[in-house]
């Protein structure tokens, strides 16, 4: 047996070195959880790793759908990533005057996220020895661009490359 079901996974066991109060946000490496109940020091408790929570926020408005991070130093939710830890997604708009933001804890990142316009890729180093038509085309998103078509084109090109690598035995067949 390579794996055995242990629990649902909406909460994880946690034994803190110091007491944790209900509502405290706890960071364990890249994982973030929230204590639903008080946990005494050196006592087994649990942290919620999914669910919807009203979390104390930094100054400023947070629009619904925003990616939210936890600033451990300030002990507040923020939209600033920097060295902060991923907390989840805001599922309701929070006005600047609000004390909290409603967050879907550890919400998965979405591939449907709209990409902000940026500088187009203008140069790629071709290490394959192929022709320019064998390289990835310039990708540029103008304001309001939906990049799904560009990504679909790149996916097709990637699949063609993978098929060629499988054909010559560089990577295993599916």
Protein backbone atom coordinates (compact mmCIF):
# COMPACT_ATOMS: atom_id res chain seq x y z
CA UNK A 1 0.00 0.00 0.00
CA UNK A 2 1.45 3.34 -1.07
CA UNK A 3 -1.12 5.58 0.61
CA UNK A 4 -3.84 5.31 3.24
CA UNK A 5 -6.72 7.74 3.77
CA UNK A 6 -6.34 9.54 7.09
CA UNK A 7 -8.84 12.40 7.25
CA UNK A 8 -10.97 14.77 5.18
CA UNK A 9 -8.30 17.48 5.10
CA UNK A 10 -10.29 20.58 6.01
CA UNK A 11 -8.25 20.77 9.21
CA UNK A 12 -4.82 19.49 10.20
CA UNK A 13 -3.37 18.42 13.54
CA UNK A 14 -1.20 21.05 15.19
CA UNK A 15 0.78 21.01 18.43
CA UNK A 16 2.06 24.56 19.15
CA UNK A 17 5.10 25.35 21.28
CA UNK A 18 3.21 28.38 22.63
CA UNK A 19 -0.53 28.83 23.24
CA UNK A 20 -2.61 29.75 20.21
CA UNK A 21 -5.90 31.65 20.51
CA UNK A 22 -8.99 30.90 18.46
CA UNK A 23 -8.77 32.98 15.29
CA UNK A 24 -4.98 33.14 15.24
CA UNK A 25 -3.42 32.72 11.80
CA UNK A 26 -0.60 30.16 11.90
CA UNK A 27 2.10 29.75 9.25
CA UNK A 28 3.75 26.34 8.83
CA UNK A 29 6.33 26.65 6.03
CA UNK A 30 4.21 27.39 2.90
CA UNK A 31 0.94 26.30 4.53
CA UNK A 32 -1.34 28.66 6.41
CA UNK A 33 -4.07 27.71 8.85
CA UNK A 34 -6.44 29.34 11.31
CA UNK A 35 -7.13 28.05 14.82
CA UNK A 36 -10.88 27.50 15.26
CA UNK A 37 -10.47 26.96 19.02
CA UNK A 38 -7.85 27.90 21.61
CA UNK A 39 -4.90 25.47 21.67
CA UNK A 40 -2.77 25.26 24.80
CA UNK A 41 1.02 25.05 24.45
CA UNK A 42 2.31 21.53 23.72
CA UNK A 43 -1.27 20.24 23.37
CA UNK A 44 -2.64 18.66 20.20
CA UNK A 45 -5.21 20.84 18.49
CA UNK A 46 -6.19 21.58 14.92
CA UNK A 47 -5.96 24.32 12.34
CA UNK A 48 -8.52 24.95 9.62
CA UNK A 49 -6.82 24.94 6.21
CA UNK A 50 -9.99 25.52 4.18
CA UNK A 51 -13.14 27.49 4.79
CA UNK A 52 -14.35 31.07 4.77
CA UNK A 53 -13.07 33.45 7.44
CA UNK A 54 -13.41 37.14 8.24
CA UNK A 55 -9.78 38.19 8.68
CA UNK A 56 -8.43 41.47 10.09
CA UNK A 57 -7.11 43.50 7.16
CA UNK A 58 -4.59 46.24 6.47
CA UNK A 59 -5.72 49.76 5.51
CA UNK A 60 -7.37 50.21 2.13
CA UNK A 61 -10.12 48.55 0.14
CA UNK A 62 -9.88 44.96 -1.07
CA UNK A 63 -12.06 44.14 -4.09
CA UNK A 64 -13.92 40.82 -4.25
CA UNK A 65 -11.84 38.21 -6.07
CA UNK A 66 -8.52 39.74 -5.01
CA UNK A 67 -5.64 37.51 -4.02
CA UNK A 68 -5.04 38.03 -0.31
CA UNK A 69 -1.79 37.50 1.63
CA UNK A 70 -1.01 37.34 5.35
CA UNK A 71 1.44 39.92 6.70
CA UNK A 72 2.79 38.04 9.74
CA UNK A 73 4.56 41.12 11.11
CA UNK A 74 1.48 43.35 11.04
CA UNK A 75 -0.86 40.39 11.68
CA UNK A 76 -3.21 41.57 8.93
CA UNK A 77 -4.51 40.47 5.55
CA UNK A 78 -3.22 42.48 2.60
CA UNK A 79 -3.13 42.41 -1.20
CA UNK A 80 0.64 43.01 -1.14
CA UNK A 81 2.49 39.78 -1.92
CA UNK A 82 6.16 40.65 -1.23
CA UNK A 83 7.43 38.42 1.56
CA UNK A 84 3.89 37.80 2.82
CA UNK A 85 2.23 34.37 2.77
CA UNK A 86 -0.62 33.39 0.45
CA UNK A 87 -3.87 33.40 2.48
CA UNK A 88 -6.58 32.91 -0.15
CA UNK A 89 -9.12 34.88 -2.20
CA UNK A 90 -11.39 37.70 -1.06
CA UNK A 91 -14.95 36.50 -1.66
CA UNK A 92 -16.59 39.80 -0.71
CA UNK A 93 -15.43 43.35 -1.25
CA UNK A 94 -14.00 45.07 1.82
CA UNK A 95 -14.18 48.85 1.93
CA UNK A 96 -11.29 50.93 3.27
CA UNK A 97 -13.26 51.60 6.47
CA UNK A 98 -13.91 47.87 7.09
CA UNK A 99 -11.87 46.11 9.75
CA UNK A 100 -11.99 42.68 8.08
CA UNK A 101 -12.08 41.00 4.69
CA UNK A 102 -13.95 37.75 3.98
CA UNK A 103 -11.41 35.22 2.66
CA UNK A 104 -11.73 31.75 1.14
CA UNK A 105 -8.74 30.23 2.94
CA UNK A 106 -6.10 28.58 0.73
CA UNK A 107 -8.26 28.97 -2.38
CA UNK A 108 -6.54 27.34 -5.35
CA UNK A 109 -4.88 29.67 -7.82
CA UNK A 110 -7.00 30.04 -10.94
CA UNK A 111 -5.67 29.55 -14.46
CA UNK A 112 -8.54 31.76 -15.60
CA UNK A 113 -6.93 34.77 -13.94
CA UNK A 114 -6.78 37.77 -16.25
CA UNK A 115 -3.24 38.74 -17.11
CA UNK A 116 -2.19 42.37 -16.90
CA UNK A 117 -0.77 43.87 -20.04
CA UNK A 118 2.99 44.00 -20.01
CA UNK A 119 5.97 44.19 -22.27
CA UNK A 120 5.77 41.62 -25.07
CA UNK A 121 8.37 38.89 -25.32
CA UNK A 122 10.60 40.17 -28.10
CA UNK A 123 13.55 37.81 -28.09
CA UNK A 124 14.07 34.15 -27.32
CA UNK A 125 17.31 32.26 -27.47
CA UNK A 126 16.83 29.26 -29.74
CA UNK A 127 19.04 26.47 -28.41
CA UNK A 128 17.45 23.80 -30.60
CA UNK A 129 19.18 24.72 -33.84
CA UNK A 130 15.73 25.02 -35.43
CA UNK A 131 14.36 27.74 -37.64
CA UNK A 132 12.62 30.86 -36.32
CA UNK A 133 9.26 29.23 -37.12
CA UNK A 134 10.13 26.51 -34.58
CA UNK A 135 10.25 29.00 -31.73
CA UNK A 136 7.48 30.46 -29.60
CA UNK A 137 5.91 33.51 -31.23
CA UNK A 138 5.85 36.96 -29.63
CA UNK A 139 3.07 37.09 -27.02
CA UNK A 140 1.60 40.50 -26.29
CA UNK A 141 -1.58 41.28 -24.40
CA UNK A 142 -3.11 44.66 -25.02
CA UNK A 143 -5.31 46.34 -22.43
CA UNK A 144 -8.37 44.19 -21.75
CA UNK A 145 -6.84 41.25 -23.65
CA UNK A 146 -8.08 37.77 -22.99
CA UNK A 147 -4.95 35.63 -23.21
CA UNK A 148 -6.85 32.33 -23.58
CA UNK A 149 -6.30 32.26 -27.36
CA UNK A 150 -2.59 32.98 -27.01
CA UNK A 151 -2.26 30.29 -24.35
CA UNK A 152 -4.16 27.81 -26.54
CA UNK A 153 -1.71 28.50 -29.36
CA UNK A 154 1.26 27.98 -27.05
CA UNK A 155 -0.31 24.78 -25.71
CA UNK A 156 -0.63 23.42 -29.26
CA UNK A 157 3.02 24.30 -29.98
CA UNK A 158 4.12 22.71 -26.68
CA UNK A 159 2.18 19.53 -27.46
CA UNK A 160 3.85 19.37 -30.88
CA UNK A 161 7.28 19.68 -29.24
CA UNK A 162 6.41 17.01 -26.66
CA UNK A 163 5.22 14.65 -29.41
CA UNK A 164 8.52 15.13 -31.25
CA UNK A 165 10.50 14.41 -28.06
CA UNK A 166 8.45 11.25 -27.47
CA UNK A 167 8.98 10.14 -31.07
CA UNK A 168 12.77 10.17 -30.68
CA UNK A 169 12.68 8.62 -27.21
CA UNK A 170 13.89 11.63 -25.22
CA UNK A 171 10.80 11.47 -23.01
CA UNK A 172 8.54 8.51 -22.30
CA UNK A 173 5.34 7.97 -24.24
CA UNK A 174 2.08 8.68 -22.47
